Amino acid sequence: MDNYLKAALSVEQLKVSYVQNKKRLPVLDGISFVLEKGKILALLGESGSGKSTCGKSLIGVLPPSAKIDSGTVRFGNGDYVDISDNDINWKTIRGMRIGMIYQDAQLALNPVKTIRVHFEETLRNKPFPSKEAMEKVCYDMLRLLNFDDPERVLNAYPFELSGGMCQRVYIAMILSLEPEVLIADEPTSALDEDSVGRVSALFRRLTAGGTAVLSVSHNRAFLEACDRVVKL
């Protein structure tokens, strides 16, 4: 009972299947778990076990070939939401309630928009007293992710940055929203050892403020920073 009182995210009986060659193949078969506030929970399993599918299910970004057969989600002590409902309004969930860091940030960034525009679009629904206040958040987050020249990065296009730099930019963008729950799908896969350490430390700083993190990672150092592991 105490776990549920401390819960940032409660998942019950999540079942997901994919259609392949006109056949429905189950990937997740009724998994349940509780992610506590201020904690990092890691999903662990072999390739194809459904780790990334679980994360994408919770934020409503599964591909058309996938179907959530059942599953309810609750944020904090709120009401349970049936995420198998096709009419669910994901706009009320994504963003400041739950955010997701993808494995390949370059695919999530628009090549014809500057990083500054990406930040502005990401933060457009978050209240700021001024544009300068919003820009300060962008600068501060980029510095936390080991960028020495935030102004140059903000004026750059994604194709002008390396894969690792794009990954750090994307992490900075999502973290700037300060979501209650953060889903991190292999967030350190494109990073060097120093950046992995910085991201791990940053996640710990977030959890100290109450943010809960659901992580999919094979990085040993990152896994060691987790509070709990759920095997799929």
C-alpha atoms as a PDB file:
ATOM      1  CA  MET A   1       0.000   0.000   0.000  1.00  0.00           C
ATOM      2  CA  ASP A   2       2.846   2.389   0.886  1.00  0.00           C
ATOM      3  CA  ASN A   3       4.325   1.933  -2.598  1.00  0.00           C
ATOM      4  CA  TYR A   4       1.091   3.098  -4.177  1.00  0.00           C
ATOM      5  CA  LEU A   5       0.987   6.191  -1.956  1.00  0.00           C
ATOM      6  CA  LYS A   6       4.504   7.042  -3.176  1.00  0.00           C
ATOM      7  CA  ALA A   7       3.809   6.080  -6.780  1.00  0.00           C
ATOM      8  CA  ALA A   8       4.554   8.449  -9.629  1.00  0.00           C
ATOM      9  CA  LEU A   9       3.373   5.872 -12.164  1.00  0.00           C
ATOM     10  CA  SER A  10       1.344   2.684 -11.714  1.00  0.00           C
ATOM     11  CA  VAL A  11       0.946   0.270 -14.633  1.00  0.00           C
ATOM     12  CA  GLU A  12      -1.533  -2.596 -14.517  1.00  0.00           C
ATOM     13  CA  GLN A  13      -1.877  -5.544 -16.921  1.00  0.00           C
ATOM     14  CA  LEU A  14      -0.233  -3.986 -19.960  1.00  0.00           C
ATOM     15  CA  LYS A  15      -0.660  -6.252 -22.965  1.00  0.00           C
ATOM     16  CA  VAL A  16       0.665  -5.288 -26.400  1.00  0.00           C
ATOM     17  CA  SER A  17       0.752  -7.224 -29.650  1.00  0.00           C
ATOM     18  CA  TYR A  18       1.981  -6.616 -33.200  1.00  0.00           C
ATOM     19  CA  VAL A  19       0.405  -7.633 -36.500  1.00  0.00           C
ATOM     20  CA  GLN A  20       2.863  -9.465 -38.734  1.00  0.00           C
ATOM     21  CA  ASN A  21       1.877 -11.346 -41.889  1.00  0.00           C
ATOM     22  CA  LYS A  22      -1.768 -10.954 -40.838  1.00  0.00           C
ATOM     23  CA  LYS A  23      -1.025 -12.707 -37.541  1.00  0.00           C
ATOM     24  CA  ARG A  24      -1.142 -11.060 -34.140  1.00  0.00           C
ATOM     25  CA  LEU A  25       2.014 -11.663 -32.122  1.00  0.00           C
ATOM     26  CA  PRO A  26       1.946 -10.861 -28.386  1.00  0.00           C
ATOM     27  CA  VAL A  27       4.973  -8.910 -27.132  1.00  0.00           C
ATOM     28  CA  LEU A  28       3.925  -7.850 -23.638  1.00  0.00           C
ATOM     29  CA  ASP A  29       1.665 -10.235 -21.759  1.00  0.00           C
ATOM     30  CA  GLY A  30       0.134  -8.428 -18.842  1.00  0.00           C
ATOM     31  CA  ILE A  31       3.039  -6.684 -17.103  1.00  0.00           C
ATOM     32  CA  SER A  32       2.428  -4.594 -13.978  1.00  0.00           C
ATOM     33  CA  PHE A  33       4.768  -2.418 -11.946  1.00  0.00           C
ATOM     34  CA  VAL A  34       4.904   0.653  -9.730  1.00  0.00           C
ATOM     35  CA  LEU A  35       7.450   3.423 -10.279  1.00  0.00           C
ATOM     36  CA  GLU A  36       7.931   5.456  -7.125  1.00  0.00           C
ATOM     37  CA  LYS A  37       8.508   9.203  -7.009  1.00  0.00           C
ATOM     38  CA  GLY A  38      12.169  10.129  -7.026  1.00  0.00           C
ATOM     39  CA  LYS A  39      13.292   6.666  -8.125  1.00  0.00           C
ATOM     40  CA  ILE A  40      14.875   5.145 -11.228  1.00  0.00           C
ATOM     41  CA  LEU A  41      13.397   1.846 -12.413  1.00  0.00           C
ATOM     42  CA  ALA A  42      15.130  -0.083 -15.211  1.00  0.00           C
ATOM     43  CA  LEU A  43      13.432  -2.451 -17.638  1.00  0.00           C
ATOM     44  CA  LEU A  44      15.767  -5.349 -18.385  1.00  0.00           C
ATOM     45  CA  GLY A  45      15.342  -8.050 -21.008  1.00  0.00           C
ATOM     46  CA  GLU A  46      16.681  -9.568 -24.179  1.00  0.00           C
ATOM     47  CA  SER A  47      16.273  -7.896 -27.560  1.00  0.00           C
ATOM     48  CA  GLY A  48      12.624  -8.219 -28.612  1.00  0.00           C
ATOM     49  CA  SER A  49      11.343  -8.679 -25.067  1.00  0.00           C
ATOM     50  CA  GLY A  50       9.242  -5.512 -25.311  1.00  0.00           C
ATOM     51  CA  LYS A  51      11.255  -2.973 -23.293  1.00  0.00           C
ATOM     52  CA  SER A  52      10.961  -0.142 -25.823  1.00  0.00           C
ATOM     53  CA  THR A  53       7.391  -1.208 -26.624  1.00  0.00           C
ATOM     54  CA  CYS A  54       6.488  -0.730 -22.970  1.00  0.00           C
ATOM     55  CA  GLY A  55       7.863   2.802 -22.921  1.00  0.00           C
ATOM     56  CA  LYS A  56       6.189   3.791 -26.177  1.00  0.00           C
ATOM     57  CA  SER A  57       2.876   2.347 -24.965  1.00  0.00           C
ATOM     58  CA  LEU A  58       2.907   4.631 -21.943  1.00  0.00           C
ATOM     59  CA  ILE A  59       3.260   7.758 -24.056  1.00  0.00           C
ATOM     60  CA  GLY A  60       1.124   6.739 -27.043  1.00  0.00           C
ATOM     61  CA  VAL A  61       3.740   6.536 -29.783  1.00  0.00           C
ATOM     62  CA  LEU A  62       3.501   2.902 -30.883  1.00  0.00           C
ATOM     63  CA  PRO A  63       3.666   2.175 -34.638  1.00  0.00           C
ATOM     64  CA  PRO A  64       0.428   1.390 -36.541  1.00  0.00           C
ATOM     65  CA  SER A  65       1.265  -2.334 -36.524  1.00  0.00           C
ATOM     66  CA  ALA A  66       1.051  -2.410 -32.717  1.00  0.00           C
ATOM     67  CA  LYS A  67      -2.063  -2.650 -30.582  1.00  0.00           C
ATOM     68  CA  ILE A  68      -2.518  -2.183 -26.858  1.00  0.00           C
ATOM     69  CA  ASP A  69      -4.832  -5.074 -25.992  1.00  0.00           C
ATOM     70  CA  SER A  70      -5.225  -3.992 -22.369  1.00  0.00           C
ATOM     71  CA  GLY A  71      -3.574  -1.791 -19.794  1.00  0.00           C
ATOM     72  CA  THR A  72      -4.291   0.933 -17.290  1.00  0.00           C
ATOM     73  CA  VAL A  73      -1.975   3.692 -16.113  1.00  0.00           C
ATOM     74  CA  ARG A  74      -2.222   6.018 -13.139  1.00  0.00           C
ATOM     75  CA  PHE A  75      -0.129   9.099 -12.390  1.00  0.00           C
ATOM     76  CA  GLY A  76       0.390   9.654  -8.680  1.00  0.00           C
ATOM     77  CA  ASN A  77      -2.855   9.137  -6.787  1.00  0.00           C
ATOM     78  CA  GLY A  78      -5.047  10.128  -9.737  1.00  0.00           C
ATOM     79  CA  ASP A  79      -7.537   8.019 -11.623  1.00  0.00           C
ATOM     80  CA  TYR A  80      -6.505   5.063 -13.730  1.00  0.00           C
ATOM     81  CA  VAL A  81      -6.517   5.686 -17.488  1.00  0.00           C
ATOM     82  CA  ASP A  82      -7.325   2.887 -19.923  1.00  0.00           C
ATOM     83  CA  ILE A  83      -4.562   3.285 -22.519  1.00  0.00           C
ATOM     84  CA  SER A  84      -6.126   0.648 -24.783  1.00  0.00           C
ATOM     85  CA  ASP A  85      -8.872   3.199 -25.531  1.00  0.00           C
ATOM     86  CA  ASN A  86      -8.388   4.479 -29.104  1.00  0.00           C
ATOM     87  CA  ASP A  87      -9.961   7.822 -28.161  1.00  0.00           C
ATOM     88  CA  ILE A  88      -7.528   8.646 -25.379  1.00  0.00           C
ATOM     89  CA  ASN A  89      -6.256  12.238 -25.513  1.00  0.00           C
ATOM     90  CA  TRP A  90      -2.485  11.801 -25.311  1.00  0.00           C
ATOM     91  CA  LYS A  91      -1.934  15.570 -25.462  1.00  0.00           C
ATOM     92  CA  THR A  92      -3.090  15.789 -21.843  1.00  0.00           C
ATOM     93  CA  ILE A  93      -0.462  13.214 -20.832  1.00  0.00           C
ATOM     94  CA  ARG A  94       2.644  13.951 -22.910  1.00  0.00           C
ATOM     95  CA  GLY A  95       4.985  16.742 -21.939  1.00  0.00           C
ATOM     96  CA  MET A  96       4.991  17.871 -18.338  1.00  0.00           C
ATOM     97  CA  ARG A  97       3.287  14.709 -17.014  1.00  0.00           C
ATOM     98  CA  ILE A  98       5.390  12.222 -18.927  1.00  0.00           C
ATOM     99  CA  GLY A  99       8.285  12.711 -21.336  1.00  0.00           C
ATOM    100  CA  MET A 100      10.393  10.334 -23.380  1.00  0.00           C
ATOM    101  CA  ILE A 101      14.000  10.356 -24.526  1.00  0.00           C
ATOM    102  CA  TYR A 102      14.448   8.227 -27.638  1.00  0.00           C
ATOM    103  CA  GLN A 103      17.458   6.098 -28.516  1.00  0.00           C
ATOM    104  CA  ASP A 104      18.163   7.915 -31.792  1.00  0.00           C
ATOM    105  CA  ALA A 105      17.635  11.621 -31.215  1.00  0.00           C
ATOM    106  CA  GLN A 106      18.596  12.500 -34.794  1.00  0.00           C
ATOM    107  CA  LEU A 107      15.357  10.889 -35.975  1.00  0.00           C
ATOM    108  CA  ALA A 108      13.366  12.965 -33.476  1.00  0.00           C
ATOM    109  CA  LEU A 109      14.890  16.291 -34.552  1.00  0.00           C
ATOM    110  CA  ASN A 110      13.690  18.164 -37.646  1.00  0.00           C
ATOM    111  CA  PRO A 111      16.710  18.812 -39.909  1.00  0.00           C
ATOM    112  CA  VAL A 112      15.287  22.102 -41.264  1.00  0.00           C
ATOM    113  CA  LYS A 113      14.713  23.698 -37.844  1.00  0.00           C
ATOM    114  CA  THR A 114      17.378  25.158 -35.580  1.00  0.00           C
ATOM    115  CA  ILE A 115      17.889  23.793 -32.081  1.00  0.00           C
ATOM    116  CA  ARG A 116      16.493  27.089 -30.755  1.00  0.00           C
ATOM    117  CA  VAL A 117      13.214  26.472 -32.607  1.00  0.00           C
ATOM    118  CA  HIS A 118      13.123  22.900 -31.268  1.00  0.00           C
ATOM    119  CA  PHE A 119      13.424  24.252 -27.715  1.00  0.00           C
ATOM    120  CA  GLU A 120      10.765  26.922 -28.328  1.00  0.00           C
ATOM    121  CA  GLU A 121       8.317  24.342 -29.689  1.00  0.00           C
ATOM    122  CA  THR A 122       9.059  21.963 -26.830  1.00  0.00           C
ATOM    123  CA  LEU A 123       8.476  24.653 -24.198  1.00  0.00           C
ATOM    124  CA  ARG A 124       5.581  26.486 -25.861  1.00  0.00           C
ATOM    125  CA  ASN A 125       2.980  25.204 -23.366  1.00  0.00           C
ATOM    126  CA  LYS A 126       5.106  25.864 -20.299  1.00  0.00           C
ATOM    127  CA  PRO A 127       4.486  29.281 -18.697  1.00  0.00           C
ATOM    128  CA  PHE A 128       7.434  31.678 -18.579  1.00  0.00           C
ATOM    129  CA  PRO A 129       7.355  35.323 -17.431  1.00  0.00           C
ATOM    130  CA  SER A 130       9.447  36.337 -20.449  1.00  0.00           C
ATOM    131  CA  LYS A 131      11.290  35.040 -23.493  1.00  0.00           C
ATOM    132  CA  GLU A 132      14.543  35.726 -21.643  1.00  0.00           C
ATOM    133  CA  ALA A 133      13.432  33.405 -18.837  1.00  0.00           C
ATOM    134  CA  MET A 134      12.747  30.638 -21.332  1.00  0.00           C
ATOM    135  CA  GLU A 135      16.104  31.156 -23.024  1.00  0.00           C
ATOM    136  CA  LYS A 136      17.864  30.975 -19.653  1.00  0.00           C
ATOM    137  CA  VAL A 137      16.372  27.502 -19.165  1.00  0.00           C
ATOM    138  CA  CYS A 138      17.686  26.472 -22.604  1.00  0.00           C
ATOM    139  CA  TYR A 139      21.172  27.796 -21.825  1.00  0.00           C
ATOM    140  CA  ASP A 140      21.252  26.206 -18.367  1.00  0.00           C
ATOM    141  CA  MET A 141      20.119  22.792 -19.605  1.00  0.00           C
ATOM    142  CA  LEU A 142      22.632  22.765 -22.453  1.00  0.00           C
ATOM    143  CA  ARG A 143      25.436  23.645 -20.047  1.00  0.00           C
ATOM    144  CA  LEU A 144      24.338  20.793 -17.775  1.00  0.00           C
ATOM    145  CA  LEU A 145      24.701  18.471 -20.769  1.00  0.00           C
ATOM    146  CA  ASN A 146      28.326  19.545 -21.242  1.00  0.00           C
ATOM    147  CA  PHE A 147      27.905  22.209 -23.974  1.00  0.00           C
ATOM    148  CA  ASP A 148      30.414  25.026 -23.541  1.00  0.00           C
ATOM    149  CA  ASP A 149      28.806  27.293 -26.145  1.00  0.00           C
ATOM    150  CA  PRO A 150      24.981  27.087 -25.831  1.00  0.00           C
ATOM    151  CA  GLU A 151      24.455  30.056 -28.166  1.00  0.00           C
ATOM    152  CA  ARG A 152      26.226  28.313 -31.041  1.00  0.00           C
ATOM    153  CA  VAL A 153      24.261  25.118 -30.410  1.00  0.00           C
ATOM    154  CA  LEU A 154      20.918  26.940 -30.284  1.00  0.00           C
ATOM    155  CA  ASN A 155      21.635  28.542 -33.674  1.00  0.00           C
ATOM    156  CA  ALA A 156      22.759  25.240 -35.245  1.00  0.00           C
ATOM    157  CA  TYR A 157      20.714  22.754 -37.268  1.00  0.00           C
ATOM    158  CA  PRO A 158      20.699  19.071 -36.232  1.00  0.00           C
ATOM    159  CA  PHE A 159      22.735  18.020 -39.286  1.00  0.00           C
ATOM    160  CA  GLU A 160      25.495  20.379 -38.137  1.00  0.00           C
ATOM    161  CA  LEU A 161      25.885  18.425 -34.889  1.00  0.00           C
ATOM    162  CA  SER A 162      27.276  14.957 -34.263  1.00  0.00           C
ATOM    163  CA  GLY A 163      25.046  12.063 -33.208  1.00  0.00           C
ATOM    164  CA  GLY A 164      26.218  12.335 -29.610  1.00  0.00           C
ATOM    165  CA  MET A 165      25.607  16.084 -29.562  1.00  0.00           C
ATOM    166  CA  CYS A 166      22.081  15.595 -30.929  1.00  0.00           C
ATOM    167  CA  GLN A 167      21.435  13.045 -28.198  1.00  0.00           C
ATOM    168  CA  ARG A 168      22.540  15.490 -25.505  1.00  0.00           C
ATOM    169  CA  VAL A 169      20.464  18.278 -27.063  1.00  0.00           C
ATOM    170  CA  TYR A 170      17.379  16.087 -27.108  1.00  0.00           C
ATOM    171  CA  ILE A 171      17.910  15.048 -23.485  1.00  0.00           C
ATOM    172  CA  ALA A 172      18.235  18.726 -22.539  1.00  0.00           C
ATOM    173  CA  MET A 173      14.989  19.553 -24.364  1.00  0.00           C
ATOM    174  CA  ILE A 174      12.941  16.861 -22.643  1.00  0.00           C
ATOM    175  CA  LEU A 175      14.401  17.541 -19.207  1.00  0.00           C
ATOM    176  CA  SER A 176      13.612  21.255 -19.589  1.00  0.00           C
ATOM    177  CA  LEU A 177       9.920  20.290 -19.373  1.00  0.00           C
ATOM    178  CA  GLU A 178      10.488  18.859 -15.884  1.00  0.00           C
ATOM    179  CA  PRO A 179       8.118  15.915 -16.445  1.00  0.00           C
ATOM    180  CA  GLU A 180       6.727  13.997 -13.470  1.00  0.00           C
ATOM    181  CA  VAL A 181       7.797  10.768 -15.174  1.00  0.00           C
ATOM    182  CA  LEU A 182      10.660  10.445 -17.624  1.00  0.00           C
ATOM    183  CA  ILE A 183      10.964   7.438 -19.946  1.00  0.00           C
ATOM    184  CA  ALA A 184      14.525   7.017 -21.177  1.00  0.00           C
ATOM    185  CA  ASP A 185      14.967   4.520 -24.025  1.00  0.00           C
ATOM    186  CA  GLU A 186      18.726   3.803 -24.244  1.00  0.00           C
ATOM    187  CA  PRO A 187      19.479   7.484 -23.478  1.00  0.00           C
ATOM    188  CA  THR A 188      23.252   6.932 -23.330  1.00  0.00           C
ATOM    189  CA  SER A 189      23.724   4.750 -26.425  1.00  0.00           C
ATOM    190  CA  ALA A 190      25.352   7.519 -28.498  1.00  0.00           C
ATOM    191  CA  LEU A 191      27.344   9.122 -25.672  1.00  0.00           C
ATOM    192  CA  ASP A 192      30.953   8.873 -24.580  1.00  0.00           C
ATOM    193  CA  GLU A 193      31.892   7.765 -21.065  1.00  0.00           C
ATOM    194  CA  ASP A 194      32.114  11.295 -19.685  1.00  0.00           C
ATOM    195  CA  SER A 195      28.678  12.231 -21.030  1.00  0.00           C
ATOM    196  CA  VAL A 196      27.191   8.991 -19.659  1.00  0.00           C
ATOM    197  CA  GLY A 197      28.398  10.024 -16.224  1.00  0.00           C
ATOM    198  CA  ARG A 198      26.931  13.505 -16.614  1.00  0.00           C
ATOM    199  CA  VAL A 199      23.552  12.139 -17.743  1.00  0.00           C
ATOM    200  CA  SER A 200      23.476   9.654 -14.839  1.00  0.00           C
ATOM    201  CA  ALA A 201      24.298  12.461 -12.394  1.00  0.00           C
ATOM    202  CA  LEU A 202      21.646  14.678 -13.976  1.00  0.00           C
ATOM    203  CA  PHE A 203      19.006  11.946 -13.656  1.00  0.00           C
ATOM    204  CA  ARG A 204      19.954  11.594  -9.988  1.00  0.00           C
ATOM    205  CA  ARG A 205      19.556  15.339  -9.576  1.00  0.00           C
ATOM    206  CA  LEU A 206      16.097  15.115 -11.152  1.00  0.00           C
ATOM    207  CA  THR A 207      15.021  12.252  -8.913  1.00  0.00           C
ATOM    208  CA  ALA A 208      16.163  14.239  -5.874  1.00  0.00           C
ATOM    209  CA  GLY A 209      13.531  16.758  -6.941  1.00  0.00           C
ATOM    210  CA  GLY A 210      10.849  14.058  -7.178  1.00  0.00           C
ATOM    211  CA  THR A 211      10.978  13.111 -10.876  1.00  0.00           C
ATOM    212  CA  ALA A 212      10.602   9.378 -11.519  1.00  0.00           C
ATOM    213  CA  VAL A 213      12.610   7.717 -14.300  1.00  0.00           C
ATOM    214  CA  LEU A 214      11.708   4.577 -16.245  1.00  0.00           C
ATOM    215  CA  SER A 215      14.841   3.482 -18.062  1.00  0.00           C
ATOM    216  CA  VAL A 216      15.718   1.044 -20.830  1.00  0.00           C
ATOM    217  CA  SER A 217      19.501   0.708 -20.931  1.00  0.00           C
ATOM    218  CA  HIS A 218      22.261  -1.820 -21.426  1.00  0.00           C
ATOM    219  CA  ASN A 219      24.953   0.505 -20.077  1.00  0.00           C
ATOM    220  CA  ARG A 220      26.394  -1.092 -16.923  1.00  0.00           C
ATOM    221  CA  ALA A 221      27.287   2.223 -15.280  1.00  0.00           C
ATOM    222  CA  PHE A 222      23.811   3.591 -15.941  1.00  0.00           C
ATOM    223  CA  LEU A 223      22.104   0.420 -14.642  1.00  0.00           C
ATOM    224  CA  GLU A 224      24.117   0.609 -11.448  1.00  0.00           C
ATOM    225  CA  ALA A 225      22.554   4.012 -10.799  1.00  0.00           C
ATOM    226  CA  CYS A 226      19.028   2.536 -10.883  1.00  0.00           C
ATOM    227  CA  ASP A 227      17.031   1.807  -7.726  1.00  0.00           C
ATOM    228  CA  ARG A 228      15.132  -1.189  -9.044  1.00  0.00           C
ATOM    229  CA  VAL A 229      15.147  -3.531 -12.035  1.00  0.00           C
ATOM    230  CA  VAL A 230      12.088  -5.193 -13.636  1.00  0.00           C
ATOM    231  CA  LYS A 231      12.853  -8.137 -15.898  1.00  0.00           C
ATOM    232  CA  LEU A 232      10.654  -8.710 -18.954  1.00  0.00           C
END
